[in-house]
Amino acid sequence: MAENPTPPGGEQPKQINLQQVAQQFMAGLQRHFDMLAFNLASREGAQEGAYIRHANARSVMPSAPNHLNFEQMQAYARDLMVRQLLNDTLNLAATALNNAHFFLAVIKAKAQSAEISPEAQKAAQEAQHRFVQAAFDEKFNRLEKDYGVLCPLEDTIISLGMALQALVQQGGIVREPQVDENGELAFDLKTVELSESTETTPQGRIIEQRKTFREGEAITLNDGELQSLLITIAAFADHLFRAVSKFGQEQGNT
C-alpha cells in the first residue's frame, strides 16, 4: 500500500509505502535490541580493577567524596539502563502509533474522495498534529473511535508508562497512582517458548508472561524481561501495521 499526500507549497507529492515504513521501524527496533544485548554483555564482562583504573586515570575527580565504588556503580548503571530502555520502549510505541494514524488518516480521506481537496488535506494534517500531541490513552481512544482499530497491548503500553513514572519519580517503588483497582501494576511481556522437537532446530511460539507488582514493591526486571520489552513492542507495532493494511483493503486502497 502506498499513499501520495500532497505536501504544502505545491511541491511534487512523495510516495510513502506502508511496508517500507514498517520495515524501517523494525530495523530501528533491532538496533535497540542489539544495543541492549551489547550492554548486557558489557556488564557481564565488567571488572572492578578496570573500573578503578579508569576512574583514577587522571589522578583527579570532579568530586571525589561522591565517587561510587564498583558495586554502587553497577547498581546505578543498571537502574539507568532500565529507565532508558523503558523510555525508549515508550517512544517506539508512540512512533508506531503516530505512523499508523498518519496512514489511517490519509486512507480515510482518499476513501471519501478520489481527489483529496486542500481542505481535506489540511484537516488530515491537523488531525495528525493533534494525534502526535495526545497522551497514550487518548491515542488508543482515537484509533478505536475514528478507525475501528483496537490494540491488544494497550493496557501493557500504558502500564509501562506507569512503571517509568515510578522509576523516575519514586525511586522505583510502586505507589497508589500506578496501581489498578486490584492494587497492582501489571503488564504482559511477549517472549518465545521453545517446545521439544525431533528436528535439529527447536520449535518456538510467542507467548505472554505477566509481570505484576503490588503497591509498595520495587520494580525489578531481569535481563530476559528487559529483552522481552522490545519483543513486546515489535509485536505491538506488527499488529498496528497489519491493522492499517486491513483498513486500507476495506476502504478500497490496496
Protein backbone atom coordinates (compact mmCIF):
# COMPACT_ATOMS: atom_id res chain seq x y z
CA MET A 1 0.00 0.00 0.00
CA ALA A 2 1.34 3.41 -0.95
CA GLU A 3 -0.01 6.85 -0.26
CA ASN A 4 0.79 10.12 -2.04
CA PRO A 5 -0.13 13.04 0.24
CA THR A 6 0.48 16.39 -1.39
CA PRO A 7 2.99 18.44 0.64
CA PRO A 8 2.38 22.14 1.30
CA GLY A 9 3.78 24.67 -1.14
CA GLY A 10 2.66 22.85 -4.28
CA GLU A 11 5.69 20.52 -4.29
CA GLN A 12 5.58 17.16 -6.01
CA PRO A 13 3.85 14.55 -3.83
CA LYS A 14 6.09 11.99 -2.22
CA GLN A 15 5.12 8.33 -2.24
CA ILE A 16 5.09 6.76 1.20
CA ASN A 17 4.89 2.99 1.37
CA LEU A 18 3.43 1.30 4.46
CA GLN A 19 5.57 -1.79 4.05
CA GLN A 20 8.70 0.31 3.79
CA VAL A 21 7.80 2.30 6.91
CA ALA A 22 7.14 -0.96 8.80
CA GLN A 23 10.48 -2.41 7.68
CA GLN A 24 12.35 0.75 8.68
CA PHE A 25 10.63 0.72 12.07
CA MET A 26 11.59 -2.90 12.72
CA ALA A 27 15.17 -2.23 11.58
CA GLY A 28 15.42 0.61 14.10
CA LEU A 29 13.91 -1.60 16.77
CA GLN A 30 16.55 -4.25 16.01
CA ARG A 31 19.28 -1.68 16.70
CA HIS A 32 17.77 -1.10 20.13
CA PHE A 33 17.67 -4.86 20.72
CA ASP A 34 21.30 -5.26 19.63
CA MET A 35 22.42 -2.35 21.81
CA LEU A 36 20.68 -3.87 24.83
CA ALA A 37 22.41 -7.21 24.17
CA PHE A 38 25.74 -5.39 23.90
CA ASN A 39 25.15 -3.51 27.16
CA LEU A 40 24.17 -6.71 28.97
CA ALA A 41 27.29 -8.44 27.62
CA SER A 42 29.42 -5.48 28.69
CA ARG A 43 28.03 -5.66 32.21
CA GLU A 44 28.92 -9.34 32.41
CA GLY A 45 32.50 -8.58 31.42
CA ALA A 46 32.96 -5.53 33.67
CA GLN A 47 35.91 -5.92 36.08
CA GLU A 48 36.36 -3.98 39.30
CA GLY A 49 40.07 -3.50 38.66
CA ALA A 50 39.44 -1.97 35.25
CA TYR A 51 36.81 0.37 36.72
CA ILE A 52 39.22 1.56 39.42
CA ARG A 53 42.00 2.04 36.87
CA HIS A 54 39.85 4.16 34.58
CA ALA A 55 38.38 6.17 37.48
CA ASN A 56 41.89 7.06 38.72
CA ALA A 57 43.48 7.51 35.29
CA ARG A 58 43.66 11.34 35.57
CA SER A 59 44.61 11.30 39.26
CA VAL A 60 41.78 13.74 39.95
CA MET A 61 37.97 13.62 40.05
CA PRO A 62 35.32 16.34 39.85
CA SER A 63 34.09 15.45 43.36
CA ALA A 64 35.99 12.55 44.92
CA PRO A 65 33.75 12.28 48.04
CA ASN A 66 30.83 11.43 45.71
CA HIS A 67 32.74 8.76 43.79
CA LEU A 68 30.80 5.47 43.60
CA ASN A 69 32.54 2.18 44.26
CA PHE A 70 32.23 -0.72 41.84
CA GLU A 71 29.15 -2.28 43.46
CA GLN A 72 27.38 1.07 43.74
CA MET A 73 28.21 1.88 40.14
CA GLN A 74 26.86 -1.47 38.96
CA ALA A 75 23.51 -0.78 40.65
CA TYR A 76 23.40 2.80 39.35
CA ALA A 77 24.26 1.78 35.80
CA ARG A 78 21.60 -0.91 35.73
CA ASP A 79 18.96 1.45 37.10
CA LEU A 80 19.89 3.99 34.44
CA MET A 81 19.77 1.32 31.74
CA VAL A 82 16.30 0.16 32.79
CA ARG A 83 14.98 3.73 32.83
CA GLN A 84 16.45 4.46 29.41
CA LEU A 85 15.11 1.23 27.97
CA LEU A 86 11.61 1.89 29.26
CA ASN A 87 11.76 5.42 27.90
CA ASP A 88 12.96 4.15 24.50
CA THR A 89 10.25 1.47 24.54
CA LEU A 90 7.52 4.05 25.06
CA ASN A 91 8.99 6.35 22.39
CA LEU A 92 8.97 3.44 19.94
CA ALA A 93 5.35 2.67 20.81
CA ALA A 94 4.43 6.31 20.24
CA THR A 95 6.22 6.31 16.90
CA ALA A 96 4.32 3.20 15.79
CA LEU A 97 1.02 4.79 16.83
CA ASN A 98 1.82 8.05 15.05
CA ASN A 99 2.85 6.25 11.86
CA ALA A 100 -0.29 4.14 11.93
CA HIS A 101 -2.53 7.16 12.42
CA PHE A 102 -0.91 9.00 9.52
CA PHE A 103 -1.71 6.21 7.09
CA LEU A 104 -5.19 5.72 8.50
CA ALA A 105 -6.00 9.42 8.13
CA VAL A 106 -4.78 9.50 4.52
CA ILE A 107 -6.64 6.29 3.63
CA LYS A 108 -9.85 7.64 5.13
CA ALA A 109 -9.52 10.92 3.25
CA LYS A 110 -8.91 9.13 -0.05
CA ALA A 111 -11.87 6.82 0.54
CA GLN A 112 -14.15 9.83 0.86
CA SER A 113 -12.98 11.43 -2.38
CA ALA A 114 -10.89 10.28 -5.33
CA GLU A 115 -9.06 13.59 -5.17
CA ILE A 116 -8.12 14.91 -1.76
CA SER A 117 -9.20 18.57 -1.61
CA PRO A 118 -6.93 21.15 0.04
CA GLU A 119 -9.49 21.39 2.84
CA ALA A 120 -9.48 17.62 3.41
CA GLN A 121 -5.70 17.55 3.29
CA LYS A 122 -5.48 20.35 5.85
CA ALA A 123 -7.98 18.57 8.10
CA ALA A 124 -5.93 15.35 7.90
CA GLN A 125 -2.73 17.24 8.74
CA GLU A 126 -4.38 18.93 11.71
CA ALA A 127 -5.76 15.60 12.92
CA GLN A 128 -2.26 14.11 12.70
CA HIS A 129 -0.78 17.03 14.64
CA ARG A 130 -3.38 16.60 17.40
CA PHE A 131 -2.76 12.87 17.48
CA VAL A 132 1.00 13.26 17.82
CA GLN A 133 0.49 15.63 20.78
CA ALA A 134 -2.06 13.37 22.52
CA ALA A 135 -1.33 11.19 25.54
CA PHE A 136 -1.10 7.43 25.09
CA ASP A 137 -4.58 6.65 26.35
CA GLU A 138 -6.07 9.28 24.03
CA LYS A 139 -4.14 7.89 21.04
CA PHE A 140 -5.69 4.48 21.61
CA ASN A 141 -9.14 6.01 22.02
CA ARG A 142 -8.85 7.92 18.73
CA LEU A 143 -7.70 4.89 16.78
CA GLU A 144 -10.69 2.93 18.02
CA LYS A 145 -13.24 5.72 17.64
CA ASP A 146 -12.13 7.09 14.26
CA TYR A 147 -10.93 3.95 12.51
CA GLY A 148 -12.15 0.95 14.49
CA VAL A 149 -8.57 -0.13 15.23
CA LEU A 150 -8.10 -1.96 18.53
CA CYS A 151 -4.71 -2.53 20.14
CA PRO A 152 -4.50 -5.74 22.21
CA LEU A 153 -1.42 -4.48 24.07
CA GLU A 154 -2.92 -1.12 25.01
CA ASP A 155 -3.02 -1.89 28.74
CA THR A 156 0.57 -3.09 28.68
CA ILE A 157 1.85 0.06 26.96
CA ILE A 158 0.04 2.30 29.43
CA SER A 159 1.31 0.23 32.37
CA LEU A 160 4.89 0.52 31.10
CA GLY A 161 4.42 4.28 31.23
CA MET A 162 3.33 3.93 34.85
CA ALA A 163 6.41 1.81 35.57
CA LEU A 164 8.67 4.50 34.14
CA GLN A 165 6.86 7.10 36.25
CA ALA A 166 7.58 5.05 39.37
CA LEU A 167 11.24 4.66 38.44
CA VAL A 168 11.76 8.35 37.72
CA GLN A 169 9.64 9.93 40.45
CA GLN A 170 9.53 7.35 43.26
CA GLY A 171 12.85 5.53 43.22
CA GLY A 172 11.29 2.53 41.51
CA ILE A 173 8.67 1.90 44.22
CA VAL A 174 5.10 1.33 43.01
CA ARG A 175 2.65 3.73 44.66
CA GLU A 176 -1.08 4.34 44.55
CA PRO A 177 -1.07 6.42 41.32
CA GLN A 178 0.33 3.47 39.35
CA VAL A 179 -1.90 0.62 40.55
CA ASP A 180 -5.28 -0.55 39.28
CA GLU A 181 -8.42 -1.36 41.26
CA ASN A 182 -6.75 -4.58 42.42
CA GLY A 183 -3.78 -2.70 43.85
CA GLU A 184 -1.48 -3.99 41.09
CA LEU A 185 0.69 -2.66 38.32
CA ALA A 186 0.75 -5.38 35.67
CA PHE A 187 1.80 -5.78 32.08
CA ASP A 188 2.14 -8.67 29.63
CA LEU A 189 5.52 -9.24 28.02
CA LYS A 190 5.90 -11.19 24.81
CA THR A 191 8.50 -13.95 24.80
CA VAL A 192 9.29 -17.15 22.94
CA GLU A 193 8.50 -20.57 24.37
CA LEU A 194 10.57 -23.37 22.88
CA SER A 195 8.99 -26.77 22.51
CA GLU A 196 10.63 -30.14 22.13
CA SER A 197 11.03 -31.22 18.55
CA THR A 198 12.54 -34.12 16.68
CA GLU A 199 14.12 -31.62 14.31
CA THR A 200 17.55 -30.12 14.91
CA THR A 201 16.06 -26.65 15.32
CA PRO A 202 13.70 -26.27 18.32
CA GLN A 203 10.23 -25.01 17.53
CA GLY A 204 9.08 -21.83 19.23
CA ARG A 205 5.92 -19.84 19.69
CA ILE A 206 5.22 -16.37 21.01
CA ILE A 207 3.56 -16.34 24.43
CA GLU A 208 2.78 -13.73 27.06
CA GLN A 209 4.29 -13.63 30.52
CA ARG A 210 2.50 -11.44 33.02
CA LYS A 211 4.64 -9.23 35.23
CA THR A 212 2.88 -7.95 38.33
CA PHE A 213 3.91 -5.54 41.08
CA ARG A 214 1.91 -4.72 44.19
CA GLU A 215 1.77 -1.28 45.78
CA GLY A 216 4.93 -0.74 47.81
CA GLU A 217 7.03 -3.17 45.78
CA ALA A 218 10.14 -2.19 43.84
CA ILE A 219 10.11 -2.56 40.07
CA THR A 220 12.73 -5.12 39.07
CA LEU A 221 13.24 -6.67 35.64
CA ASN A 222 15.76 -9.39 34.86
CA ASP A 223 17.83 -9.47 31.67
CA GLY A 224 15.36 -11.66 29.80
CA GLU A 225 12.45 -9.42 30.74
CA LEU A 226 14.33 -6.36 29.51
CA GLN A 227 14.74 -8.03 26.13
CA SER A 228 11.08 -9.02 26.18
CA LEU A 229 10.17 -5.33 26.40
CA LEU A 230 11.49 -4.83 22.88
CA ILE A 231 9.93 -8.06 21.61
CA THR A 232 6.63 -6.79 23.01
CA ILE A 233 6.96 -3.52 21.09
CA ALA A 234 7.74 -5.49 17.93
CA ALA A 235 4.51 -7.47 18.38
CA PHE A 236 2.61 -4.26 19.14
CA ALA A 237 3.90 -2.50 16.02
CA ASP A 238 3.31 -5.54 13.83
CA HIS A 239 -0.34 -5.64 14.91
CA LEU A 240 -0.73 -1.92 14.20
CA PHE A 241 0.74 -2.08 10.72
CA ARG A 242 -1.39 -5.11 9.88
CA ALA A 243 -4.48 -3.25 11.12
CA VAL A 244 -3.62 -0.30 8.85
CA SER A 245 -3.25 -2.62 5.86
CA LYS A 246 -6.59 -4.27 6.64
CA PHE A 247 -8.27 -0.87 6.98
CA GLY A 248 -6.87 0.13 3.60
CA GLN A 249 -8.22 -3.02 1.98
CA GLU A 250 -11.64 -2.44 3.48
CA GLN A 251 -11.62 1.14 2.18
CA GLY A 252 -10.60 0.02 -1.30
CA ASN A 253 -6.95 1.12 -1.05
CA THR A 254 -4.69 -1.82 -1.83
